[in-house]
Amino acid sequence: MKISEIAKILDARILVSNSNLDSRIKYGFASDLMSDVLTLDEEEIILITGLCNIQTIRTAEMANINCLLFVRNKQASEEMIELAMENDMIILQCEYSLFRTVGLLYEKGLRPVY
């Protein structure tokens, strides 16, 4: 699934898009526990979370995740946006709950990590 398709499915706002929005995403992982994110070793993954702080960006950087989706209309700070831009990440934001977001993406074919 392309990142641009994910944005369309979720009516998501693109906050940062240094990378190509036609990049492919194979897997979705939803978590607010950054320690769980650090256990991932898949590529082409989107992190879906309601935890909206600078540590989320740092964790994604350490886990080599370049696409993040903040749910529940969480607002990224300027510091988060700058750090994401420095790391060539894409940040999306949608109004849906974590549950609804994951359901919609799963229904459209995004695969779970496990």
N, C-alpha and C. Protein backbone atom coordinates (compact mmCIF):
# COMPACT_ATOMS: atom_id res chain seq x y z
N MET A 1 0.85 -1.17 0.00
CA MET A 1 0.00 0.00 0.00
C MET A 1 0.90 1.24 0.00
N LYS A 2 0.55 2.21 -0.80
CA LYS A 2 1.32 3.45 -0.86
C LYS A 2 0.93 4.36 0.32
N ILE A 3 1.87 5.18 0.74
CA ILE A 3 1.61 6.13 1.83
C ILE A 3 0.48 7.08 1.44
N SER A 4 0.46 7.48 0.19
CA SER A 4 -0.61 8.36 -0.28
C SER A 4 -1.98 7.68 -0.17
N GLU A 5 -2.04 6.36 -0.36
CA GLU A 5 -3.29 5.62 -0.21
C GLU A 5 -3.72 5.59 1.26
N ILE A 6 -2.75 5.40 2.14
CA ILE A 6 -3.05 5.41 3.57
C ILE A 6 -3.66 6.74 3.97
N ALA A 7 -3.07 7.82 3.50
CA ALA A 7 -3.58 9.16 3.81
C ALA A 7 -5.01 9.33 3.30
N LYS A 8 -5.28 8.82 2.12
CA LYS A 8 -6.62 8.95 1.54
C LYS A 8 -7.65 8.12 2.31
N ILE A 9 -7.31 6.88 2.65
CA ILE A 9 -8.22 6.00 3.39
C ILE A 9 -8.63 6.63 4.71
N LEU A 10 -7.69 7.30 5.37
CA LEU A 10 -7.91 7.83 6.72
C LEU A 10 -8.26 9.31 6.75
N ASP A 11 -8.38 9.94 5.59
CA ASP A 11 -8.57 11.39 5.53
C ASP A 11 -7.50 12.07 6.38
N ALA A 12 -6.28 11.58 6.27
CA ALA A 12 -5.18 12.05 7.12
C ALA A 12 -4.51 13.29 6.53
N ARG A 13 -4.02 14.10 7.43
CA ARG A 13 -3.21 15.26 7.08
C ARG A 13 -1.76 14.84 7.01
N ILE A 14 -1.06 15.32 6.02
CA ILE A 14 0.37 15.05 5.90
C ILE A 14 1.10 16.22 6.55
N LEU A 15 1.75 15.94 7.68
CA LEU A 15 2.45 17.00 8.41
C LEU A 15 3.88 17.18 7.92
N VAL A 16 4.53 16.06 7.60
CA VAL A 16 5.91 16.08 7.11
C VAL A 16 5.98 15.07 5.98
N SER A 17 6.57 15.47 4.87
CA SER A 17 6.69 14.53 3.75
C SER A 17 7.98 14.76 2.98
N ASN A 18 9.12 14.60 3.65
CA ASN A 18 10.41 14.71 2.97
C ASN A 18 10.62 13.59 1.98
N SER A 19 9.98 12.47 2.20
CA SER A 19 10.15 11.30 1.34
C SER A 19 9.01 11.22 0.33
N ASN A 20 9.11 10.26 -0.52
CA ASN A 20 8.13 10.04 -1.56
C ASN A 20 6.84 9.44 -1.00
N LEU A 21 5.73 10.08 -1.24
CA LEU A 21 4.44 9.57 -0.76
C LEU A 21 3.96 8.35 -1.54
N ASP A 22 4.68 7.99 -2.61
CA ASP A 22 4.38 6.78 -3.35
C ASP A 22 5.18 5.60 -2.83
N SER A 23 5.95 5.81 -1.75
CA SER A 23 6.68 4.71 -1.13
C SER A 23 5.69 3.67 -0.65
N ARG A 24 6.09 2.43 -0.70
CA ARG A 24 5.22 1.31 -0.31
C ARG A 24 5.39 0.98 1.17
N ILE A 25 4.27 0.67 1.80
CA ILE A 25 4.23 0.21 3.18
C ILE A 25 3.62 -1.20 3.15
N LYS A 26 4.34 -2.17 3.71
CA LYS A 26 3.83 -3.55 3.76
C LYS A 26 3.12 -3.85 5.07
N TYR A 27 3.66 -3.29 6.16
CA TYR A 27 3.20 -3.66 7.50
C TYR A 27 2.75 -2.44 8.30
N GLY A 28 1.80 -2.68 9.17
CA GLY A 28 1.40 -1.68 10.14
C GLY A 28 1.67 -2.21 11.54
N PHE A 29 2.08 -1.31 12.42
CA PHE A 29 2.28 -1.67 13.82
C PHE A 29 1.70 -0.56 14.67
N ALA A 30 0.76 -0.91 15.54
CA ALA A 30 0.10 0.07 16.37
C ALA A 30 0.52 -0.13 17.82
N SER A 31 1.05 0.92 18.42
CA SER A 31 1.47 0.82 19.81
C SER A 31 1.72 2.21 20.39
N ASP A 32 1.46 2.31 21.68
CA ASP A 32 1.86 3.50 22.43
C ASP A 32 3.05 3.17 23.32
N LEU A 33 3.48 1.92 23.30
CA LEU A 33 4.65 1.48 24.07
C LEU A 33 5.88 1.48 23.17
N MET A 34 6.74 2.45 23.36
CA MET A 34 7.91 2.57 22.49
C MET A 34 8.89 1.43 22.69
N SER A 35 8.87 0.78 23.85
CA SER A 35 9.73 -0.38 24.06
C SER A 35 9.32 -1.51 23.12
N ASP A 36 8.03 -1.65 22.80
CA ASP A 36 7.57 -2.65 21.84
C ASP A 36 8.04 -2.30 20.43
N VAL A 37 8.06 -1.03 20.11
CA VAL A 37 8.49 -0.59 18.78
C VAL A 37 9.95 -0.96 18.56
N LEU A 38 10.75 -0.87 19.60
CA LEU A 38 12.18 -1.17 19.46
C LEU A 38 12.46 -2.64 19.19
N THR A 39 11.47 -3.50 19.34
CA THR A 39 11.66 -4.93 19.06
C THR A 39 11.45 -5.27 17.59
N LEU A 40 10.98 -4.33 16.79
CA LEU A 40 10.66 -4.59 15.39
C LEU A 40 11.91 -4.64 14.53
N ASP A 41 11.88 -5.51 13.52
CA ASP A 41 12.99 -5.53 12.57
C ASP A 41 12.51 -5.60 11.12
N GLU A 42 11.22 -5.36 10.88
CA GLU A 42 10.67 -5.34 9.54
C GLU A 42 11.00 -4.02 8.84
N GLU A 43 10.93 -4.05 7.53
CA GLU A 43 11.07 -2.84 6.73
C GLU A 43 9.71 -2.52 6.12
N GLU A 44 9.60 -1.35 5.54
CA GLU A 44 8.36 -0.90 4.91
C GLU A 44 7.19 -0.96 5.90
N ILE A 45 7.37 -0.29 7.02
CA ILE A 45 6.41 -0.34 8.12
C ILE A 45 5.94 1.07 8.48
N ILE A 46 4.69 1.17 8.90
CA ILE A 46 4.17 2.41 9.43
C ILE A 46 3.87 2.20 10.92
N LEU A 47 4.31 3.13 11.72
CA LEU A 47 4.01 3.12 13.15
C LEU A 47 2.76 3.95 13.38
N ILE A 48 1.75 3.33 13.95
CA ILE A 48 0.48 3.99 14.23
C ILE A 48 0.39 4.14 15.75
N THR A 49 0.26 5.38 16.21
CA THR A 49 0.33 5.61 17.65
C THR A 49 -0.45 6.85 18.06
N GLY A 50 -0.84 6.86 19.32
CA GLY A 50 -1.43 8.04 19.92
C GLY A 50 -0.44 8.76 20.82
N LEU A 51 0.75 8.22 20.93
CA LEU A 51 1.80 8.82 21.75
C LEU A 51 2.53 9.86 20.91
N CYS A 52 2.26 11.09 21.18
CA CYS A 52 2.75 12.18 20.33
C CYS A 52 3.74 13.04 21.13
N ASN A 53 5.02 12.62 21.10
CA ASN A 53 6.07 13.40 21.75
C ASN A 53 7.39 13.16 21.03
N ILE A 54 8.41 13.86 21.44
CA ILE A 54 9.70 13.79 20.76
C ILE A 54 10.30 12.39 20.86
N GLN A 55 10.00 11.67 21.94
CA GLN A 55 10.53 10.31 22.09
C GLN A 55 9.97 9.35 21.04
N THR A 56 8.79 9.62 20.57
CA THR A 56 8.22 8.80 19.50
C THR A 56 9.05 8.93 18.24
N ILE A 57 9.46 10.14 17.92
CA ILE A 57 10.30 10.36 16.74
C ILE A 57 11.66 9.70 16.94
N ARG A 58 12.23 9.86 18.11
CA ARG A 58 13.54 9.25 18.42
C ARG A 58 13.47 7.72 18.34
N THR A 59 12.39 7.16 18.86
CA THR A 59 12.22 5.71 18.81
C THR A 59 12.10 5.22 17.37
N ALA A 60 11.30 5.91 16.58
CA ALA A 60 11.15 5.54 15.17
C ALA A 60 12.50 5.62 14.46
N GLU A 61 13.28 6.63 14.77
CA GLU A 61 14.61 6.76 14.19
C GLU A 61 15.47 5.55 14.55
N MET A 62 15.47 5.15 15.80
CA MET A 62 16.27 4.01 16.25
C MET A 62 15.79 2.70 15.62
N ALA A 63 14.50 2.58 15.36
CA ALA A 63 13.92 1.37 14.79
C ALA A 63 13.91 1.40 13.25
N ASN A 64 14.48 2.43 12.66
CA ASN A 64 14.50 2.60 11.20
C ASN A 64 13.10 2.63 10.58
N ILE A 65 12.20 3.29 11.26
CA ILE A 65 10.85 3.49 10.76
C ILE A 65 10.76 4.92 10.24
N ASN A 66 10.39 5.06 8.98
CA ASN A 66 10.37 6.41 8.42
C ASN A 66 8.96 6.96 8.17
N CYS A 67 7.93 6.23 8.62
CA CYS A 67 6.57 6.71 8.45
C CYS A 67 5.79 6.53 9.74
N LEU A 68 5.26 7.62 10.26
CA LEU A 68 4.49 7.60 11.51
C LEU A 68 3.11 8.18 11.25
N LEU A 69 2.14 7.61 11.95
CA LEU A 69 0.77 8.09 11.87
C LEU A 69 0.26 8.33 13.28
N PHE A 70 -0.06 9.58 13.58
CA PHE A 70 -0.62 9.94 14.88
C PHE A 70 -2.14 9.93 14.79
N VAL A 71 -2.77 9.23 15.71
CA VAL A 71 -4.23 9.10 15.72
C VAL A 71 -4.83 10.04 16.76
N ARG A 72 -6.15 10.02 16.83
CA ARG A 72 -6.92 10.84 17.79
C ARG A 72 -6.58 12.33 17.69
N ASN A 73 -6.24 12.75 16.47
CA ASN A 73 -5.96 14.16 16.19
C ASN A 73 -4.84 14.74 17.05
N LYS A 74 -3.88 13.91 17.40
CA LYS A 74 -2.72 14.37 18.18
C LYS A 74 -1.89 15.33 17.32
N GLN A 75 -1.40 16.38 17.95
CA GLN A 75 -0.69 17.45 17.25
C GLN A 75 0.81 17.34 17.50
N ALA A 76 1.58 17.20 16.44
CA ALA A 76 3.03 17.16 16.55
C ALA A 76 3.55 18.57 16.82
N SER A 77 4.54 18.66 17.70
CA SER A 77 5.16 19.95 18.01
C SER A 77 6.13 20.34 16.90
N GLU A 78 6.53 21.59 16.89
CA GLU A 78 7.52 22.06 15.92
C GLU A 78 8.82 21.28 16.05
N GLU A 79 9.21 21.00 17.29
CA GLU A 79 10.44 20.23 17.53
C GLU A 79 10.33 18.83 16.90
N MET A 80 9.18 18.21 17.02
CA MET A 80 8.97 16.89 16.43
C MET A 80 9.03 16.96 14.92
N ILE A 81 8.40 17.96 14.35
CA ILE A 81 8.39 18.12 12.90
C ILE A 81 9.80 18.36 12.37
N GLU A 82 10.55 19.21 13.05
CA GLU A 82 11.94 19.47 12.63
C GLU A 82 12.79 18.21 12.69
N LEU A 83 12.66 17.44 13.76
CA LEU A 83 13.43 16.21 13.90
C LEU A 83 13.03 15.19 12.83
N ALA A 84 11.75 15.09 12.54
CA ALA A 84 11.28 14.19 11.49
C ALA A 84 11.84 14.60 10.13
N MET A 85 11.87 15.89 9.87
CA MET A 85 12.42 16.38 8.60
C MET A 85 13.90 16.07 8.50
N GLU A 86 14.62 16.24 9.59
CA GLU A 86 16.05 15.93 9.60
C GLU A 86 16.31 14.46 9.30
N ASN A 87 15.36 13.59 9.70
CA ASN A 87 15.53 12.15 9.53
C ASN A 87 14.77 11.61 8.31
N ASP A 88 14.32 12.51 7.46
CA ASP A 88 13.62 12.13 6.22
C ASP A 88 12.43 11.22 6.50
N MET A 89 11.66 11.57 7.52
CA MET A 89 10.47 10.80 7.89
C MET A 89 9.22 11.44 7.32
N ILE A 90 8.18 10.64 7.27
CA ILE A 90 6.86 11.12 6.90
C ILE A 90 5.98 11.04 8.15
N ILE A 91 5.26 12.09 8.43
CA ILE A 91 4.32 12.08 9.56
C ILE A 91 2.92 12.41 9.03
N LEU A 92 1.99 11.53 9.37
CA LEU A 92 0.59 11.72 9.06
C LEU A 92 -0.18 11.89 10.36
N GLN A 93 -1.34 12.51 10.25
CA GLN A 93 -2.20 12.73 11.41
C GLN A 93 -3.63 12.50 10.99
N CYS A 94 -4.38 11.72 11.79
CA CYS A 94 -5.80 11.54 11.48
C CYS A 94 -6.62 11.71 12.76
N GLU A 95 -7.91 11.88 12.58
CA GLU A 95 -8.81 12.12 13.70
C GLU A 95 -9.34 10.82 14.30
N TYR A 96 -9.18 9.70 13.61
CA TYR A 96 -9.77 8.45 14.05
C TYR A 96 -9.07 7.89 15.29
N SER A 97 -9.78 7.02 15.99
CA SER A 97 -9.19 6.30 17.12
C SER A 97 -8.16 5.30 16.59
N LEU A 98 -7.34 4.81 17.48
CA LEU A 98 -6.35 3.80 17.11
C LEU A 98 -7.06 2.56 16.57
N PHE A 99 -8.11 2.14 17.24
CA PHE A 99 -8.86 0.94 16.85
C PHE A 99 -9.44 1.09 15.44
N ARG A 100 -10.11 2.19 15.19
CA ARG A 100 -10.72 2.41 13.88
C ARG A 100 -9.66 2.52 12.79
N THR A 101 -8.58 3.22 13.08
CA THR A 101 -7.51 3.40 12.11
C THR A 101 -6.93 2.06 11.67
N VAL A 102 -6.59 1.24 12.65
CA VAL A 102 -6.01 -0.07 12.35
C VAL A 102 -7.02 -0.93 11.58
N GLY A 103 -8.28 -0.89 11.97
CA GLY A 103 -9.30 -1.66 11.28
C GLY A 103 -9.44 -1.27 9.82
N LEU A 104 -9.47 0.01 9.56
CA LEU A 104 -9.59 0.49 8.18
C LEU A 104 -8.40 0.06 7.33
N LEU A 105 -7.20 0.19 7.87
CA LEU A 105 -6.01 -0.17 7.11
C LEU A 105 -5.91 -1.68 6.91
N TYR A 106 -6.28 -2.46 7.91
CA TYR A 106 -6.28 -3.91 7.78
C TYR A 106 -7.29 -4.35 6.72
N GLU A 107 -8.46 -3.73 6.75
CA GLU A 107 -9.50 -4.05 5.78
C GLU A 107 -9.05 -3.79 4.34
N LYS A 108 -8.20 -2.80 4.17
CA LYS A 108 -7.70 -2.43 2.83
C LYS A 108 -6.44 -3.20 2.43
N GLY A 109 -5.97 -4.10 3.31
CA GLY A 109 -4.88 -4.98 2.92
C GLY A 109 -3.53 -4.75 3.60
N LEU A 110 -3.44 -3.79 4.50
CA LEU A 110 -2.18 -3.60 5.21
C LEU A 110 -1.99 -4.77 6.17
N ARG A 111 -0.83 -5.38 6.12
CA ARG A 111 -0.56 -6.57 6.93
C ARG A 111 -0.03 -6.21 8.31
N PRO A 112 -0.37 -7.01 9.32
CA PRO A 112 0.19 -6.80 10.65
C PRO A 112 1.62 -7.35 10.71
N VAL A 113 2.40 -6.85 11.65
CA VAL A 113 3.76 -7.36 11.85
C VAL A 113 3.67 -8.80 12.34
N TYR A 114 2.78 -9.06 13.30
CA TYR A 114 2.54 -10.42 13.79
C TYR A 114 1.15 -10.52 14.35
